[in-house]
N, C-alpha and C. Protein backbone atom coordinates (compact mmCIF):
# COMPACT_ATOMS: atom_id res chain seq x y z
N MET A 1 10.54 65.48 53.23
CA MET A 1 10.79 64.31 51.89
C MET A 1 12.28 64.46 51.39
N SER A 2 12.54 63.37 51.06
CA SER A 2 14.20 63.50 50.74
C SER A 2 14.51 63.63 49.16
N ALA A 3 15.70 63.51 49.06
CA ALA A 3 16.27 63.79 47.68
C ALA A 3 15.68 62.80 46.74
N VAL A 4 15.30 63.20 45.44
CA VAL A 4 14.70 62.07 44.63
C VAL A 4 16.03 62.05 43.20
N LEU A 5 15.82 60.81 42.82
CA LEU A 5 16.75 60.53 41.59
C LEU A 5 15.77 60.01 40.55
N ALA A 6 16.06 60.36 39.26
CA ALA A 6 15.12 60.06 38.25
C ALA A 6 15.91 59.94 36.83
N TYR A 7 15.57 59.09 35.91
CA TYR A 7 16.04 58.93 34.70
C TYR A 7 14.85 59.63 33.88
N VAL A 8 15.54 60.43 33.03
CA VAL A 8 14.40 61.09 32.13
C VAL A 8 14.79 60.66 30.63
N LEU A 9 13.99 60.10 29.85
CA LEU A 9 14.29 59.80 28.65
C LEU A 9 13.86 60.75 27.44
N PHE A 10 14.58 61.03 26.43
CA PHE A 10 14.28 62.21 25.52
C PHE A 10 13.95 61.60 24.26
N LYS A 11 12.96 61.89 23.23
CA LYS A 11 12.99 61.82 21.94
C LYS A 11 13.17 63.36 21.32
N VAL A 12 14.32 63.71 20.57
CA VAL A 12 14.61 64.87 20.04
C VAL A 12 14.54 64.81 18.58
N SER A 13 14.67 66.03 18.04
CA SER A 13 14.54 66.14 16.68
C SER A 13 15.71 65.60 16.10
N SER A 14 15.70 64.81 15.01
CA SER A 14 16.79 64.20 14.18
C SER A 14 17.91 65.05 14.28
N GLY A 15 19.17 64.58 14.75
CA GLY A 15 20.46 65.37 14.53
C GLY A 15 20.68 66.08 15.54
N THR A 16 19.90 66.39 16.52
CA THR A 16 20.15 67.10 17.51
C THR A 16 20.34 66.69 19.07
N GLU A 17 20.68 65.35 19.02
CA GLU A 17 20.88 64.51 20.31
C GLU A 17 22.23 65.21 21.15
N ARG A 18 23.36 65.31 20.43
CA ARG A 18 24.44 65.93 21.30
C ARG A 18 23.98 67.29 21.89
N GLU A 19 23.49 68.00 20.82
CA GLU A 19 22.95 69.37 21.46
C GLU A 19 22.23 69.33 22.61
N VAL A 20 21.20 68.56 22.51
CA VAL A 20 20.28 68.50 23.91
C VAL A 20 21.00 67.88 24.85
N ALA A 21 21.90 67.07 24.94
CA ALA A 21 22.65 66.34 25.95
C ALA A 21 23.39 67.25 26.40
N GLN A 22 24.17 68.13 25.71
CA GLN A 22 25.11 69.23 26.13
C GLN A 22 24.24 70.40 26.89
N LYS A 23 23.08 70.68 26.19
CA LYS A 23 22.20 71.64 27.26
C LYS A 23 21.93 71.20 28.49
N LEU A 24 21.44 70.12 28.49
CA LEU A 24 21.10 69.10 29.86
C LEU A 24 22.18 69.30 30.81
N ILE A 25 23.49 68.90 30.65
CA ILE A 25 24.38 68.89 31.61
C ILE A 25 24.65 70.38 31.89
N GLU A 26 24.08 71.21 31.51
CA GLU A 26 24.40 72.77 32.15
C GLU A 26 23.56 72.87 33.21
N PHE A 27 22.66 72.15 33.71
CA PHE A 27 21.73 72.20 34.86
C PHE A 27 22.27 71.59 35.87
N ASP A 28 22.34 72.09 37.08
CA ASP A 28 22.75 71.50 38.41
C ASP A 28 22.16 70.07 38.73
N GLU A 29 20.90 69.93 38.37
CA GLU A 29 19.95 68.95 38.76
C GLU A 29 20.39 67.58 37.69
N VAL A 30 21.24 67.95 36.55
CA VAL A 30 21.54 66.63 35.92
C VAL A 30 22.74 66.28 36.08
N MET A 31 22.75 64.96 36.75
CA MET A 31 24.27 64.36 36.97
C MET A 31 25.05 63.79 36.01
N GLU A 32 24.31 63.41 34.78
CA GLU A 32 24.93 63.03 33.70
C GLU A 32 23.76 62.93 32.68
N ALA A 33 24.41 63.03 31.19
CA ALA A 33 23.35 62.68 29.97
C ALA A 33 24.21 62.01 28.96
N ALA A 34 23.40 61.14 28.40
CA ALA A 34 24.20 60.32 27.22
C ALA A 34 23.32 60.29 26.13
N VAL A 35 23.82 60.20 25.17
CA VAL A 35 23.00 59.92 23.70
C VAL A 35 23.14 58.38 23.62
N VAL A 36 21.84 57.83 23.29
CA VAL A 36 21.80 56.60 23.07
C VAL A 36 21.14 56.04 21.84
N PHE A 37 20.97 54.86 21.53
CA PHE A 37 20.50 54.03 20.31
C PHE A 37 18.96 53.25 20.87
N GLY A 38 18.25 53.63 20.12
CA GLY A 38 16.83 52.81 20.55
C GLY A 38 15.76 53.66 20.27
N GLU A 39 14.79 53.40 21.15
CA GLU A 39 13.28 54.13 21.22
C GLU A 39 13.64 55.53 21.50
N TYR A 40 14.62 55.71 22.48
CA TYR A 40 14.87 57.22 22.75
C TYR A 40 15.98 57.73 22.38
N ASP A 41 16.33 58.94 22.31
CA ASP A 41 17.65 59.31 21.90
C ASP A 41 18.84 59.71 23.01
N VAL A 42 18.19 60.24 24.19
CA VAL A 42 19.04 60.79 24.81
C VAL A 42 18.44 60.39 26.38
N VAL A 43 19.54 59.93 27.26
CA VAL A 43 19.00 59.69 28.69
C VAL A 43 19.66 60.42 29.59
N ALA A 44 18.96 61.09 30.77
CA ALA A 44 19.62 62.13 31.72
C ALA A 44 19.43 61.39 32.85
N LYS A 45 20.33 61.30 33.91
CA LYS A 45 20.15 61.16 35.34
C LYS A 45 20.02 62.64 35.93
N LEU A 46 18.73 62.67 36.93
CA LEU A 46 18.61 63.78 37.55
C LEU A 46 18.60 63.64 39.06
N LEU A 47 18.98 64.39 39.77
CA LEU A 47 18.66 64.48 41.10
C LEU A 47 18.29 65.67 41.47
N THR A 48 17.08 65.83 42.41
CA THR A 48 16.30 67.02 42.94
C THR A 48 16.18 66.70 44.35
N LYS A 49 16.05 68.08 45.34
CA LYS A 49 15.66 67.85 46.62
C LYS A 49 14.54 66.90 47.04
N ASP A 50 13.51 67.03 46.18
CA ASP A 50 12.12 66.32 46.53
C ASP A 50 11.24 65.99 45.18
N LEU A 51 10.31 65.42 45.51
CA LEU A 51 9.42 65.20 44.19
C LEU A 51 8.90 66.41 43.65
N ASP A 52 8.30 67.54 44.33
CA ASP A 52 8.02 68.88 43.72
C ASP A 52 9.21 69.64 43.10
N ALA A 53 10.40 69.38 43.64
CA ALA A 53 11.48 69.91 42.69
C ALA A 53 11.77 69.38 41.31
N LEU A 54 11.42 68.12 41.51
CA LEU A 54 11.63 67.35 40.16
C LEU A 54 10.49 67.56 39.19
N GLU A 55 9.17 67.78 39.68
CA GLU A 55 8.09 68.25 38.74
C GLU A 55 8.60 69.37 38.49
N ASP A 56 8.80 70.54 39.20
CA ASP A 56 8.91 71.88 38.37
C ASP A 56 10.22 71.87 37.82
N PHE A 57 11.30 70.81 37.85
CA PHE A 57 12.46 71.14 36.96
C PHE A 57 12.01 70.52 35.54
N VAL A 58 11.54 69.45 35.59
CA VAL A 58 11.11 68.97 34.31
C VAL A 58 10.09 69.68 33.33
N SER A 59 8.84 70.18 34.44
CA SER A 59 8.22 70.91 33.68
C SER A 59 8.56 72.53 33.21
N ASP A 60 9.35 73.03 33.85
CA ASP A 60 9.86 74.43 33.64
C ASP A 60 11.12 74.37 32.87
N HIS A 61 11.91 73.51 32.82
CA HIS A 61 13.29 73.58 32.13
C HIS A 61 13.37 72.40 31.23
N VAL A 62 13.38 71.16 31.72
CA VAL A 62 13.50 70.44 30.67
C VAL A 62 12.80 70.32 29.46
N ARG A 63 11.49 70.30 29.81
CA ARG A 63 10.51 70.06 28.39
C ARG A 63 10.50 71.53 27.75
N ASN A 64 11.38 72.56 27.93
CA ASN A 64 11.53 73.88 27.21
C ASN A 64 12.78 73.94 26.46
N ILE A 65 13.43 72.80 26.51
CA ILE A 65 14.79 72.74 25.71
C ILE A 65 14.50 72.66 24.33
N GLN A 66 15.03 73.34 23.41
CA GLN A 66 14.88 73.35 22.02
C GLN A 66 14.98 71.91 21.51
N ASN A 67 14.05 71.41 20.72
CA ASN A 67 14.09 70.23 19.99
C ASN A 67 13.88 68.92 20.76
N VAL A 68 13.52 69.21 21.91
CA VAL A 68 12.68 68.17 22.94
C VAL A 68 11.20 67.85 22.48
N LEU A 69 11.14 66.56 22.09
CA LEU A 69 9.78 66.32 21.41
C LEU A 69 8.71 65.73 22.58
N VAL A 70 9.52 64.66 23.28
CA VAL A 70 8.97 63.70 24.07
C VAL A 70 9.63 63.47 25.43
N THR A 71 9.34 63.60 26.48
CA THR A 71 10.02 63.05 27.52
C THR A 71 9.23 61.97 28.31
N SER A 72 10.07 61.05 28.97
CA SER A 72 9.34 60.00 29.94
C SER A 72 10.45 59.96 31.27
N THR A 73 9.73 60.46 32.37
CA THR A 73 10.51 60.13 33.71
C THR A 73 10.27 59.15 34.50
N MET A 74 11.27 58.48 34.93
CA MET A 74 11.26 57.18 35.70
C MET A 74 12.08 57.33 37.11
N ILE A 75 11.08 57.45 38.16
CA ILE A 75 11.68 57.87 39.20
C ILE A 75 12.46 56.45 40.14
N ILE A 76 13.62 56.77 40.45
CA ILE A 76 14.39 55.48 40.96
C ILE A 76 13.81 55.16 42.21
N SER A 77 13.40 54.06 42.46
CA SER A 77 12.94 53.47 43.74
C SER A 77 14.04 52.86 44.58
N ARG A 78 15.03 52.37 44.15
CA ARG A 78 16.33 51.60 44.68
C ARG A 78 17.13 51.52 43.78
N GLN A 79 18.52 51.92 44.14
CA GLN A 79 19.74 51.86 43.24
C GLN A 79 20.59 50.88 43.55
N TYR A 80 21.26 50.31 42.76
CA TYR A 80 22.48 49.15 42.93
C TYR A 80 23.73 49.84 42.09
N LYS A 81 24.63 49.63 43.05
CA LYS A 81 25.98 50.20 42.22
C LYS A 81 26.69 49.09 42.18
N ALA A 82 27.27 49.05 40.78
CA ALA A 82 28.26 48.03 40.53
C ALA A 82 29.75 48.55 40.73
N LYS A 83 30.96 47.85 40.32
CA LYS A 83 32.05 47.95 40.40
C LYS A 83 32.12 49.41 39.72
N SER A 84 33.04 50.26 40.01
CA SER A 84 33.66 51.63 38.96
C SER A 84 34.04 51.00 37.65
N GLN A 85 35.10 50.02 37.83
CA GLN A 85 35.76 49.64 36.86
C GLN A 85 35.35 47.82 36.53
N ARG A 86 35.15 47.56 35.39
CA ARG A 86 34.85 46.23 35.00
C ARG A 86 36.25 45.86 34.80
N PRO A 87 36.56 44.32 34.98
CA PRO A 87 37.60 43.87 34.42
C PRO A 87 37.57 43.76 32.96
N LYS A 88 38.71 43.84 32.20
CA LYS A 88 38.64 43.66 30.85
C LYS A 88 38.17 42.52 30.28
N THR A 89 37.82 42.14 29.09
CA THR A 89 37.43 40.92 28.65
C THR A 89 38.28 40.71 27.61
N LYS A 90 38.37 39.29 27.27
CA LYS A 90 39.47 38.93 26.15
C LYS A 90 38.80 39.31 24.69
């Protein structure tokens, strides 16, 4: 099997968004984490060697982070990349 990219969306205890995001980026599997507004509080992009590794990582590590209440994992089927820098708008 090949590498698996996924987004994990988190609902966390109120006021712990930054703490959870900072904890997430300590893991090698987490490419980036962001605090967001909306239905979820934190979003992380993960890269694992295969689907089994993703399942193990989310089950054994992500869901055990203090203040994580709910997770939703979305496996990326195809990724499109934009320009790294967008032109500034007026």
